[in-house]
Protein backbone atom coordinates (compact mmCIF):
# COMPACT_ATOMS: atom_id res chain seq x y z
CA UNK A 1 -12.58 16.87 2.78
CA UNK A 2 -11.73 20.52 2.42
CA UNK A 3 -13.59 23.64 3.46
CA UNK A 4 -15.43 25.82 0.97
CA UNK A 5 -13.38 28.62 -0.58
CA UNK A 6 -16.05 30.68 -2.33
CA UNK A 7 -14.38 29.98 -5.68
CA UNK A 8 -15.91 28.07 -8.57
CA UNK A 9 -14.59 24.64 -9.43
CA UNK A 10 -12.89 26.05 -12.53
CA UNK A 11 -11.17 28.78 -10.49
CA UNK A 12 -9.92 26.19 -8.01
CA UNK A 13 -8.57 24.02 -10.83
CA UNK A 14 -6.79 27.03 -12.32
CA UNK A 15 -5.16 27.65 -8.95
CA UNK A 16 -4.16 23.97 -8.77
CA UNK A 17 -2.56 24.32 -12.20
CA UNK A 18 -0.65 27.41 -11.08
CA UNK A 19 0.62 25.48 -8.04
CA UNK A 20 1.70 22.63 -10.33
CA UNK A 21 3.48 25.05 -12.68
CA UNK A 22 5.43 26.44 -9.72
CA UNK A 23 6.63 22.90 -9.06
CA UNK A 24 7.80 22.67 -12.68
CA UNK A 25 5.16 20.47 -14.31
CA UNK A 26 2.42 20.83 -16.90
CA UNK A 27 -1.15 19.69 -16.35
CA UNK A 28 -1.01 16.54 -18.50
CA UNK A 29 -3.49 14.41 -16.55
CA UNK A 30 -7.21 15.13 -16.24
CA UNK A 31 -7.99 16.87 -12.90
CA UNK A 32 -11.24 15.09 -12.05
CA UNK A 33 -10.95 13.91 -8.43
CA UNK A 34 -12.65 15.64 -5.53
CA UNK A 35 -11.66 15.28 -1.89
CA UNK A 36 -13.74 12.16 -1.32
CA UNK A 37 -12.32 10.46 -4.39
CA UNK A 38 -8.77 11.26 -3.32
CA UNK A 39 -9.46 9.73 0.10
CA UNK A 40 -11.20 6.79 -1.55
CA UNK A 41 -8.21 5.64 -3.57
CA UNK A 42 -5.95 5.39 -0.50
CA UNK A 43 -8.73 3.84 1.60
CA UNK A 44 -9.28 1.27 -1.16
CA UNK A 45 -5.58 0.34 -1.29
CA UNK A 46 -5.34 0.02 2.49
CA UNK A 47 -8.46 -2.16 2.14
CA UNK A 48 -9.20 -3.64 5.54
CA UNK A 49 -11.03 -6.41 3.66
CA UNK A 50 -7.78 -7.36 1.92
CA UNK A 51 -4.68 -7.08 4.12
CA UNK A 52 -6.30 -7.74 7.48
CA UNK A 53 -8.31 -10.62 6.01
CA UNK A 54 -5.52 -12.28 4.03
CA UNK A 55 -3.06 -12.18 6.94
CA UNK A 56 -5.64 -12.95 9.62
CA UNK A 57 -4.33 -16.50 10.01
CA UNK A 58 -0.71 -15.30 9.86
CA UNK A 59 -1.07 -13.02 12.87
CA UNK A 60 -3.41 -15.37 14.74
CA UNK A 61 -0.99 -18.28 14.32
CA UNK A 62 1.87 -16.33 15.89
CA UNK A 63 0.18 -14.70 18.87
CA UNK A 64 -3.50 -15.65 19.06
CA UNK A 65 -6.38 -13.19 19.63
CA UNK A 66 -4.18 -10.48 21.18
CA UNK A 67 -2.64 -9.76 17.79
CA UNK A 68 -6.01 -8.27 16.77
CA UNK A 69 -7.00 -6.79 20.13
CA UNK A 70 -3.72 -4.99 20.82
CA UNK A 71 -1.62 -5.31 17.64
CA UNK A 72 -4.03 -3.40 15.39
CA UNK A 73 -4.32 -0.25 17.58
CA UNK A 74 -0.60 -0.35 18.42
CA UNK A 75 0.42 -0.32 14.77
CA UNK A 76 -2.26 2.28 13.98
CA UNK A 77 -0.80 4.74 16.51
CA UNK A 78 2.57 4.76 14.78
CA UNK A 79 1.13 4.67 11.26
CA UNK A 80 -0.96 7.75 12.04
CA UNK A 81 2.28 9.57 12.95
CA UNK A 82 3.75 8.54 9.59
CA UNK A 83 0.57 9.47 7.70
CA UNK A 84 0.40 12.88 9.41
CA UNK A 85 4.05 13.57 8.54
CA UNK A 86 3.38 12.61 4.90
CA UNK A 87 0.13 14.59 4.75
CA UNK A 88 1.97 17.79 5.67
CA UNK A 89 4.47 17.18 2.87
CA UNK A 90 1.66 16.40 0.42
CA UNK A 91 0.12 19.75 1.28
CA UNK A 92 3.38 21.57 0.58
CA UNK A 93 4.20 19.75 -2.68
CA UNK A 94 0.98 18.53 -4.42
CA UNK A 95 2.41 16.58 -7.33
CA UNK A 96 2.31 13.03 -8.72
CA UNK A 97 5.13 10.82 -7.48
CA UNK A 98 4.95 12.89 -4.31
CA UNK A 99 7.55 11.14 -2.18
CA UNK A 100 10.20 11.36 -4.87
CA UNK A 101 9.53 15.04 -5.48
CA UNK A 102 9.47 15.82 -1.75
CA UNK A 103 12.87 14.19 -1.30
CA UNK A 104 14.26 16.23 -4.18
CA UNK A 105 13.11 19.55 -2.77
CA UNK A 106 14.22 18.69 0.75
CA UNK A 107 17.50 16.90 0.06
CA UNK A 108 18.49 17.03 -3.59
CA UNK A 109 18.42 14.73 -6.58
CA UNK A 110 20.41 11.85 -5.02
CA UNK A 111 17.97 11.51 -2.11
CA UNK A 112 15.11 11.76 -4.60
CA UNK A 113 16.52 8.98 -6.75
CA UNK A 114 16.90 6.57 -3.82
CA UNK A 115 13.41 7.40 -2.51
CA UNK A 116 11.91 6.79 -5.94
CA UNK A 117 13.50 3.37 -6.34
CA UNK A 118 12.26 2.15 -2.96
CA UNK A 119 8.81 3.51 -3.77
CA UNK A 120 8.84 1.88 -7.21
CA UNK A 121 9.65 -1.56 -5.80
CA UNK A 122 7.16 -1.17 -2.97
CA UNK A 123 4.38 -0.12 -5.33
CA UNK A 124 4.94 -3.10 -7.61
CA UNK A 125 5.21 -5.57 -4.74
CA UNK A 126 2.08 -4.31 -3.03
CA UNK A 127 0.14 -4.71 -6.29
CA UNK A 128 1.64 -8.17 -6.70
CA UNK A 129 0.71 -9.09 -3.14
CA UNK A 130 -2.86 -7.83 -3.49
CA UNK A 131 -3.67 -9.56 -6.77
CA UNK A 132 -1.79 -12.80 -6.06
CA UNK A 133 -3.56 -13.12 -2.72
CA UNK A 134 -6.85 -12.23 -4.39
CA UNK A 135 -6.23 -15.08 -6.83
CA UNK A 136 -5.74 -17.54 -3.97
CA UNK A 137 -8.74 -16.21 -2.09
CA UNK A 138 -11.12 -16.06 -5.06
CA UNK A 139 -10.10 -19.57 -6.21
CA UNK A 140 -10.71 -20.88 -2.69
CA UNK A 141 -14.07 -19.13 -2.52
CA UNK A 142 -15.11 -20.59 -5.87
CA UNK A 143 -14.22 -24.06 -4.62
CA UNK A 144 -16.57 -23.55 -1.68
CA UNK A 145 -19.35 -21.88 -3.64
CA UNK A 146 -19.39 -23.89 -6.86
CA UNK A 147 -17.67 -27.15 -5.92
CA UNK A 148 -14.72 -26.54 -8.24
CA UNK A 149 -11.35 -28.08 -7.44
CA UNK A 150 -8.87 -25.30 -8.25
CA UNK A 151 -5.53 -26.08 -6.60
CA UNK A 152 -4.73 -22.95 -4.58
CA UNK A 153 -1.31 -24.40 -3.66
CA UNK A 154 -0.24 -24.58 -7.32
CA UNK A 155 1.84 -21.43 -7.94
CA UNK A 156 1.44 -21.59 -11.72
CA UNK A 157 -2.35 -21.86 -11.49
CA UNK A 158 -2.47 -18.93 -9.06
CA UNK A 159 -0.28 -16.73 -11.26
CA UNK A 160 -2.60 -17.45 -14.22
CA UNK A 161 -5.59 -16.58 -12.02
CA UNK A 162 -3.80 -13.40 -10.94
CA UNK A 163 -3.33 -12.38 -14.59
CA UNK A 164 -7.05 -12.93 -15.27
CA UNK A 165 -7.88 -10.68 -12.31
CA UNK A 166 -5.32 -8.04 -13.31
CA UNK A 167 -6.24 -7.57 -16.97
CA UNK A 168 -9.60 -5.78 -16.42
CA UNK A 169 -8.02 -3.68 -13.64
CA UNK A 170 -5.33 -2.62 -16.09
CA UNK A 171 -7.78 -1.84 -18.91
CA UNK A 172 -10.02 0.27 -16.66
CA UNK A 173 -6.99 2.29 -15.57
CA UNK A 174 -5.92 2.81 -19.18
CA UNK A 175 -9.32 4.01 -20.40
CA UNK A 176 -9.54 7.01 -18.10
CA UNK A 177 -9.54 8.39 -14.60
CA UNK A 178 -13.32 9.03 -14.56
CA UNK A 179 -14.28 5.34 -14.39
CA UNK A 180 -11.39 4.58 -12.05
CA UNK A 181 -12.54 7.39 -9.76
CA UNK A 182 -16.14 6.15 -9.72
CA UNK A 183 -15.02 2.64 -8.83
CA UNK A 184 -12.72 3.95 -6.08
CA UNK A 185 -15.63 5.95 -4.64
CA UNK A 186 -17.83 2.87 -4.83
CA UNK A 187 -15.10 0.88 -3.08
CA UNK A 188 -15.49 2.99 0.08
CA UNK A 189 -19.18 2.10 0.35
CA UNK A 190 -18.42 -1.53 -0.54
CA UNK A 191 -15.83 -1.82 2.25
CA UNK A 192 -17.80 -0.03 4.98
CA UNK A 193 -21.10 -1.64 3.97
CA UNK A 194 -19.39 -5.00 3.65
CA UNK A 195 -17.97 -4.83 7.17
CA UNK A 196 -21.43 -3.88 8.47
CA UNK A 197 -23.00 -6.92 6.74
CA UNK A 198 -20.27 -9.25 8.04
CA UNK A 199 -20.79 -7.91 11.56
CA UNK A 200 -24.58 -8.27 11.44
CA UNK A 201 -24.51 -11.80 10.04
CA UNK A 202 -21.93 -13.06 12.56
CA UNK A 203 -23.48 -11.34 15.59
CA UNK A 204 -27.06 -12.45 14.90
CA UNK A 205 -26.59 -15.75 13.06
CA UNK A 206 -23.11 -16.98 13.99
CA UNK A 207 -23.02 -20.28 15.88
CA UNK A 208 -19.76 -19.54 17.71
CA UNK A 209 -19.62 -16.88 20.40
CA UNK A 210 -16.41 -16.60 22.37
CA UNK A 211 -16.40 -14.74 25.72
CA UNK A 212 -14.82 -11.27 25.82
CA UNK A 213 -11.91 -12.75 27.77
CA UNK A 214 -10.97 -14.63 24.58
CA UNK A 215 -9.82 -11.33 23.08
CA UNK A 216 -7.04 -11.11 25.67
CA UNK A 217 -5.56 -14.56 25.13
CA UNK A 218 -2.04 -14.99 23.80
CA UNK A 219 -1.62 -18.33 22.02
CA UNK A 220 1.40 -19.35 19.91
CA UNK A 221 0.26 -21.98 17.45
CA UNK A 222 3.05 -21.28 14.95
CA UNK A 223 6.37 -21.14 16.79
CA UNK A 224 8.80 -18.58 15.28
CA UNK A 225 11.71 -20.82 16.30
CA UNK A 226 10.46 -23.52 13.93
CA UNK A 227 10.70 -21.12 10.96
CA UNK A 228 14.32 -19.99 11.27
CA UNK A 229 16.49 -22.74 9.79
CA UNK A 230 15.77 -22.15 6.09
CA UNK A 231 14.03 -19.73 3.80
CA UNK A 232 12.56 -20.19 0.33
CA UNK A 233 13.31 -18.43 -2.94
CA UNK A 234 11.27 -19.81 -5.81
CA UNK A 235 11.92 -23.53 -6.04
CA UNK A 236 15.08 -23.31 -3.92
CA UNK A 237 15.64 -23.45 -0.19
CA UNK A 238 18.62 -21.85 1.54
CA UNK A 239 20.03 -22.04 5.03
CA UNK A 240 19.37 -18.91 7.03
CA UNK A 241 22.36 -16.58 7.29
CA UNK A 242 20.77 -14.16 9.72
CA UNK A 243 20.37 -16.87 12.33
CA UNK A 244 24.18 -17.05 12.45
CA UNK A 245 24.28 -13.52 13.90
CA UNK A 246 25.32 -13.81 17.58
CA UNK A 247 22.31 -13.81 19.87
CA UNK A 248 19.69 -14.49 17.17
CA UNK A 249 19.32 -18.19 17.97
CA UNK A 250 18.85 -17.41 21.64
CA UNK A 251 16.32 -14.69 20.85
CA UNK A 252 14.15 -17.04 18.81
CA UNK A 253 14.51 -19.92 21.25
CA UNK A 254 13.49 -17.87 24.28
CA UNK A 255 11.42 -15.07 22.75
CA UNK A 256 8.10 -16.75 23.54
CA UNK A 257 4.80 -14.95 23.08
CA UNK A 258 6.47 -11.51 23.06
CA UNK A 259 8.56 -12.30 19.96
CA UNK A 260 5.62 -14.08 18.32
CA UNK A 261 3.41 -11.02 18.92
CA UNK A 262 5.94 -8.64 17.40
CA UNK A 263 6.43 -10.83 14.30
CA UNK A 264 2.66 -11.07 13.91
CA UNK A 265 2.42 -7.28 13.57
CA UNK A 266 3.11 -7.75 9.84
CA UNK A 267 -0.62 -8.42 9.52
CA UNK A 268 -1.56 -4.88 10.51
CA UNK A 269 1.51 -3.16 9.11
CA UNK A 270 1.04 -4.52 5.59
CA UNK A 271 -2.62 -3.58 5.65
CA UNK A 272 -1.53 0.00 6.31
CA UNK A 273 0.36 0.45 3.05
CA UNK A 274 -0.45 2.35 -0.10
CA UNK A 275 -1.96 5.47 1.45
CA UNK A 276 0.67 7.51 -0.42
CA UNK A 277 -1.75 7.04 -3.35
CA UNK A 278 -3.50 10.27 -2.35
CA UNK A 279 -0.25 12.11 -3.03
CA UNK A 280 0.40 10.28 -6.30
CA UNK A 281 -2.95 11.39 -7.74
CA UNK A 282 -2.51 15.01 -6.57
CA UNK A 283 -2.29 16.23 -10.17
CA UNK A 284 -5.71 14.70 -10.80
CA UNK A 285 -7.25 16.15 -7.60
CA UNK A 286 -9.14 19.42 -7.23
CA UNK A 287 -7.90 21.63 -4.34
CA UNK A 288 -4.92 19.29 -4.09
CA UNK A 289 -3.04 21.05 -1.28
CA UNK A 290 -5.78 20.18 1.20
CA UNK A 291 -7.55 17.22 -0.33
CA UNK A 292 -4.42 15.14 -0.95
CA UNK A 293 -3.25 15.74 2.62
CA UNK A 294 -6.59 14.77 4.13
CA UNK A 295 -6.72 11.75 1.83
CA UNK A 296 -3.42 10.45 3.21
CA UNK A 297 -4.39 10.95 6.85
CA UNK A 298 -8.08 10.08 6.88
CA UNK A 299 -7.61 6.88 4.89
CA UNK A 300 -5.58 5.52 7.82
CA UNK A 301 -7.88 6.92 10.53
CA UNK A 302 -11.09 5.57 8.98
CA UNK A 303 -9.44 2.21 8.22
CA UNK A 304 -8.51 1.88 11.89
CA UNK A 305 -12.10 2.24 13.09
CA UNK A 306 -13.74 0.03 10.47
CA UNK A 307 -10.92 -2.53 10.54
CA UNK A 308 -10.88 -2.82 14.32
CA UNK A 309 -14.61 -3.50 14.46
CA UNK A 310 -14.24 -6.21 11.83
CA UNK A 311 -11.21 -7.87 13.48
CA UNK A 312 -12.80 -8.01 16.92
CA UNK A 313 -16.02 -9.52 15.58
CA UNK A 314 -14.14 -12.12 13.54
CA UNK A 315 -11.97 -12.97 16.55
CA UNK A 316 -15.00 -13.49 18.80
CA UNK A 317 -16.37 -16.00 16.28
CA UNK A 318 -13.25 -18.15 15.88
CA UNK A 319 -14.37 -21.78 16.37
CA UNK A 320 -10.87 -23.12 17.10
CA UNK A 321 -7.52 -21.34 16.76
CA UNK A 322 -5.48 -24.35 15.61
CA UNK A 323 -8.04 -25.29 12.95
CA UNK A 324 -8.37 -21.69 11.80
CA UNK A 325 -4.63 -21.30 11.12
CA UNK A 326 -4.27 -24.78 9.60
CA UNK A 327 -3.16 -24.37 5.94
CA UNK A 328 -5.66 -27.06 4.99
CA UNK A 329 -8.45 -24.64 5.97
CA UNK A 330 -7.01 -21.60 4.21
CA UNK A 331 -8.14 -18.86 3.77
CA UNK A 332 -8.63 -18.70 7.53
CA UNK A 333 -11.39 -16.09 7.46
CA UNK A 334 -13.48 -18.23 5.11
CA UNK A 335 -13.05 -21.12 7.54
CA UNK A 336 -14.40 -18.91 10.34
CA UNK A 337 -17.27 -17.69 8.20
CA UNK A 338 -18.48 -21.04 6.90
CA UNK A 339 -18.05 -22.67 10.31
CA UNK A 340 -20.45 -20.15 11.80
CA UNK A 341 -23.47 -20.64 9.56
CA UNK A 342 -25.89 -23.48 9.01
CA UNK A 343 -27.20 -21.49 6.06
CA UNK A 344 -24.33 -21.65 3.57
CA UNK A 345 -25.80 -18.66 1.70
CA UNK A 346 -24.57 -16.35 4.46
CA UNK A 347 -21.06 -17.66 3.93
CA UNK A 348 -21.33 -17.11 0.19
CA UNK A 349 -22.46 -13.49 0.70
CA UNK A 350 -19.45 -12.72 2.88
CA UNK A 351 -17.12 -14.51 0.47
CA UNK A 352 -18.36 -12.31 -2.39
CA UNK A 353 -18.01 -9.14 -0.30
CA UNK A 354 -14.39 -9.91 0.52
CA UNK A 355 -13.53 -10.99 -3.03
CA UNK A 356 -15.04 -7.81 -4.47
CA UNK A 357 -13.07 -5.68 -2.01
CA UNK A 358 -9.82 -7.37 -3.02
CA UNK A 359 -10.47 -6.73 -6.71
CA UNK A 360 -11.24 -3.05 -6.05
CA UNK A 361 -8.10 -2.81 -3.91
CA UNK A 362 -5.98 -4.11 -6.80
CA UNK A 363 -7.61 -1.65 -9.18
CA UNK A 364 -6.66 1.34 -6.99
CA UNK A 365 -3.16 -0.03 -6.42
CA UNK A 366 -2.48 -0.04 -10.17
CA UNK A 367 -3.65 3.59 -10.35
CA UNK A 368 -1.20 4.68 -7.66
CA UNK A 369 1.67 2.52 -8.93
CA UNK A 370 1.42 3.77 -12.51
CA UNK A 371 1.30 7.44 -11.46
CA UNK A 372 4.41 7.07 -9.34
CA UNK A 373 6.33 5.41 -12.18
CA UNK A 374 5.08 8.01 -14.65
CA UNK A 375 6.22 10.85 -12.39
CA UNK A 376 9.72 9.41 -12.04
CA UNK A 377 9.94 8.59 -15.75
CA UNK A 378 9.14 12.14 -16.88
CA UNK A 379 12.35 13.15 -15.10
CA UNK A 380 14.25 10.31 -16.86
CA UNK A 381 14.73 8.32 -13.67
CA UNK A 382 14.67 4.67 -14.75
CA UNK A 383 15.38 2.42 -17.75
CA UNK A 384 12.66 2.74 -20.37
CA UNK A 385 11.63 6.21 -19.19
CA UNK A 386 10.96 7.42 -22.75
CA UNK A 387 8.08 4.94 -23.08
CA UNK A 388 6.88 4.98 -19.47
CA UNK A 389 6.37 8.76 -19.36
CA UNK A 390 4.07 8.85 -22.39
CA UNK A 391 0.49 10.03 -21.84
CA UNK A 392 -2.27 8.77 -24.13
CA UNK A 393 -3.58 11.85 -25.99
CA UNK A 394 -7.25 10.93 -25.67
CA UNK A 395 -7.55 9.13 -22.35
CA UNK A 396 -4.87 11.28 -20.67
CA UNK A 397 -3.56 8.31 -18.70
CA UNK A 398 0.02 6.94 -18.49
CA UNK A 399 -0.87 3.90 -20.59
CA UNK A 400 2.59 2.37 -20.91
CA UNK A 401 3.33 2.94 -17.24
CA UNK A 402 0.16 0.99 -16.40
CA UNK A 403 1.03 -1.89 -18.75
CA UNK A 404 4.71 -2.18 -17.84
CA UNK A 405 4.23 -2.00 -14.07
CA UNK A 406 1.43 -4.57 -14.20
CA UNK A 407 3.69 -7.00 -16.08
CA UNK A 408 6.49 -6.41 -13.56
CA UNK A 409 4.07 -7.14 -10.71
CA UNK A 410 3.39 -10.58 -12.19
CA UNK A 411 7.10 -11.27 -12.72
CA UNK A 412 7.98 -10.30 -9.15
CA UNK A 413 5.25 -12.62 -7.88
CA UNK A 414 6.94 -15.51 -9.68
CA UNK A 415 10.27 -14.55 -8.08
CA UNK A 416 9.03 -14.33 -4.50
CA UNK A 417 6.93 -17.51 -4.43
CA UNK A 418 6.21 -17.15 -0.69
CA UNK A 419 3.29 -14.79 -0.05
CA UNK A 420 4.50 -13.51 3.32
CA UNK A 421 7.78 -12.50 1.64
CA UNK A 422 5.91 -10.43 -0.98
CA UNK A 423 4.12 -8.74 1.89
CA UNK A 424 7.31 -8.10 3.87
CA UNK A 425 9.23 -6.71 0.85
CA UNK A 426 6.42 -4.34 -0.13
CA UNK A 427 6.03 -3.16 3.47
CA UNK A 428 9.74 -2.57 4.01
CA UNK A 429 10.37 -0.86 0.66
CA UNK A 430 7.34 1.40 0.92
CA UNK A 431 8.09 2.50 4.47
CA UNK A 432 11.70 3.27 3.58
CA UNK A 433 10.31 5.50 0.82
CA UNK A 434 7.90 7.08 3.31
CA UNK A 435 10.68 7.63 5.84
CA UNK A 436 13.31 9.33 3.66
CA UNK A 437 11.40 12.58 2.93
CA UNK A 438 10.13 12.68 6.54
CA UNK A 439 13.75 12.43 7.72
CA UNK A 440 14.89 15.17 5.32
CA UNK A 441 12.06 17.47 6.40
CA UNK A 442 12.92 16.92 10.07
CA UNK A 443 16.65 17.40 9.45
CA UNK A 444 16.06 20.71 7.70
CA UNK A 445 13.72 21.90 10.45
CA UNK A 446 16.21 21.10 13.20
CA UNK A 447 19.11 22.69 11.29
CA UNK A 448 16.94 25.57 10.05
CA UNK A 449 18.47 25.11 6.60
CA UNK A 450 17.03 24.47 3.15
CA UNK A 451 13.34 23.82 2.54
CA UNK A 452 10.98 22.37 5.14
CA UNK A 453 7.27 22.50 5.85
CA UNK A 454 5.77 25.52 7.62
CA UNK A 455 2.24 26.77 8.16
CA UNK A 456 2.82 29.12 5.23
CA UNK A 457 4.01 26.46 2.77
CA UNK A 458 1.67 23.66 3.91
CA UNK A 459 -1.99 24.61 4.51
CA UNK A 460 -2.39 21.17 6.17
CA UNK A 461 0.15 21.73 8.95
CA UNK A 462 1.27 19.86 12.07
CA UNK A 463 2.33 23.20 13.56
CA UNK A 464 4.37 22.89 16.77
CA UNK A 465 3.76 19.14 17.03
CA UNK A 466 5.54 18.38 13.76
CA UNK A 467 9.00 17.59 15.14
CA UNK A 468 7.73 15.15 17.79
CA UNK A 469 5.41 13.42 15.31
CA UNK A 470 8.22 13.15 12.73
CA UNK A 471 10.55 11.53 15.30
CA UNK A 472 7.91 8.98 16.34
CA UNK A 473 7.31 8.15 12.67
CA UNK A 474 11.01 7.62 11.92
CA UNK A 475 11.66 5.45 14.98
CA UNK A 476 8.81 3.14 13.98
CA UNK A 477 10.00 2.89 10.38
CA UNK A 478 13.49 1.93 11.59
CA UNK A 479 11.98 -0.73 13.87
CA UNK A 480 9.78 -2.40 11.25
CA UNK A 481 12.55 -2.32 8.62
CA UNK A 482 14.60 -4.60 10.87
CA UNK A 483 11.61 -6.62 12.06
CA UNK A 484 10.38 -7.57 8.60
CA UNK A 485 13.84 -8.45 7.30
CA UNK A 486 14.50 -11.32 9.70
CA UNK A 487 13.14 -14.91 9.77
CA UNK A 488 10.57 -16.00 8.76
CA UNK A 489 10.81 -13.23 6.13
CA UNK A 490 14.56 -13.27 5.62
CA UNK A 491 14.17 -13.23 1.84
CA UNK A 492 12.57 -9.80 2.20
CA UNK A 493 15.72 -8.52 3.90
CA UNK A 494 17.99 -9.94 1.22
CA UNK A 495 15.69 -8.57 -1.49
CA UNK A 496 16.10 -5.06 -0.09
CA UNK A 497 19.88 -5.54 0.02
CA UNK A 498 19.89 -6.83 -3.59
CA UNK A 499 17.84 -3.79 -4.62
CA UNK A 500 20.33 -1.47 -2.88
CA UNK A 501 23.27 -3.12 -4.69
CA UNK A 502 21.44 -2.88 -8.04
CA UNK A 503 20.64 0.79 -7.37
CA UNK A 504 24.28 1.55 -6.60
CA UNK A 505 25.55 -0.18 -9.75
CA UNK A 506 22.90 1.41 -11.98
CA UNK A 507 23.64 4.82 -10.47
CA UNK A 508 27.38 4.48 -11.10
CA UNK A 509 27.05 3.07 -14.63
CA UNK A 510 24.24 5.23 -16.00
CA UNK A 511 22.00 7.38 -13.83
CA UNK A 512 24.58 9.71 -12.27
CA UNK A 513 25.76 10.76 -15.72
CA UNK A 514 22.36 12.13 -16.77
CA UNK A 515 19.87 12.22 -13.87
CA UNK A 516 19.48 15.59 -12.15
CA UNK A 517 15.96 15.25 -10.78
CA UNK A 518 12.98 17.49 -11.62
CA UNK A 519 14.03 20.25 -14.00
CA UNK A 520 12.72 23.83 -13.89
CA UNK A 521 10.53 24.46 -16.92
CA UNK A 522 9.55 27.82 -18.37
CA UNK A 523 5.90 28.81 -18.08
CA UNK A 524 5.66 29.12 -21.87
CA UNK A 525 6.89 25.55 -22.30
CA UNK A 526 4.38 24.25 -19.77
CA UNK A 527 1.57 26.02 -21.60
CA UNK A 528 2.78 24.55 -24.88
CA UNK A 529 2.68 21.01 -23.44
CA UNK A 530 -0.86 21.57 -22.15
CA UNK A 531 -1.99 22.98 -25.50
CA UNK A 532 -0.60 19.96 -27.32
CA UNK A 533 -2.36 17.59 -24.89
CA UNK A 534 -5.65 19.45 -25.40
CA UNK A 535 -5.21 19.32 -29.18
CA UNK A 536 -4.50 15.58 -29.03
CA UNK A 537 -7.66 14.96 -27.02
CA UNK A 538 -9.66 17.04 -29.49
CA UNK A 539 -8.30 15.15 -32.49
CA UNK A 540 -9.59 11.89 -31.09
């Protein structure tokens, strides 16, 4: 990822530690990741074999083939602007919990606190969405492969399956970054190789072959207007309040394919989440100022290319749109796959590839989530911070952060009940967290006040293009925040509002009386912390 410096690995790590000390933190975590591994963890969480696959039927049902042909590159353009804006900040401030720390340096402790809470919720919900969907997918695949009869519509059964999937992911994260790093690296080859195998099998052995003109068809199988009257929350159903806003009913009644296409963009937008992971593992990355930045940006760029190839090939092998999006045939991609082969073994191979990718995606998501929570906890940012910020002396991992956030992911899954709502909440919360430090950096640049990124402070720099790219990024974040908070994902909008109210109350009652953000720490104290960590590892 980064160019050679002429320094030894140990010299580079020492420089990374000096950079971290300047930001006020001790080197508590093992610094084991190279540039490829840093890229790999974000690429694995984006996971084009998870998000794009799981929501394939969602997007297709709204707008037909054009959601893949045009929706994927459209969303990618704006996400690259966001990723580039974040990469520059990651280069300037290479520390775990990056977004929270960036907001603090650029806008102060109040901005940092709000950014952290949105990031915390988004991280948990994205992990919940990945592993809950993996449970549904893997159970469905087992039914096809082994003739089992697991009820994928039974929420309790799927939550139990999710827990079974999550436990080994959690244990691997607890027992050290080395194994987690190796599996994240392997995940890159699994995803790219898996897409290549899927493409080869469908192109050469698939029975269905749609004409190229099929890619440009807009077909609304699921009408957005039919999904506006009520929304679900657990076992309860409520009348939509947002549809009472003047003009909303008319918009949904007459929006047609244009509205359906825009709503279907959730498929691509949710896939492009979690690439902040490269920033969250900065303290475990060698040459972090460059490698973390490239990890953020390249994970999106590479995912675009590989994901687009996969989506176009799958689209050209759709046997029938209505049957593909029919819930009875869910997951829709498995319906496409098994409908294309006389030899069921080919279908089984693809099913295993996708299932493996989803499991690896969940593994990396827990890594990122736990580091973000750990980073906020060490500055006393949330309830239970005393426990969450603890590092295991031998494994040098935030063990309690891993355990607690994994449990919360399961609990939030039970709350949301509707999968598309989990997706919408995680997308909205994460992008709000992405947008706040970008906004603060842009504000400071334009006002020429306070801290902001320059070519001197950020080796990975947008140079003279930074302001334009930042503005594009912020406009898109504002657009999708509104888009994914309205029917059929109204619960996502109310969830964000509930979170904002909770944040305000918690701030007034507790946090504002003690939280001041990252605290400057003397060099001698940082060295003492590192010596104690080294002694603890030696004792074990």
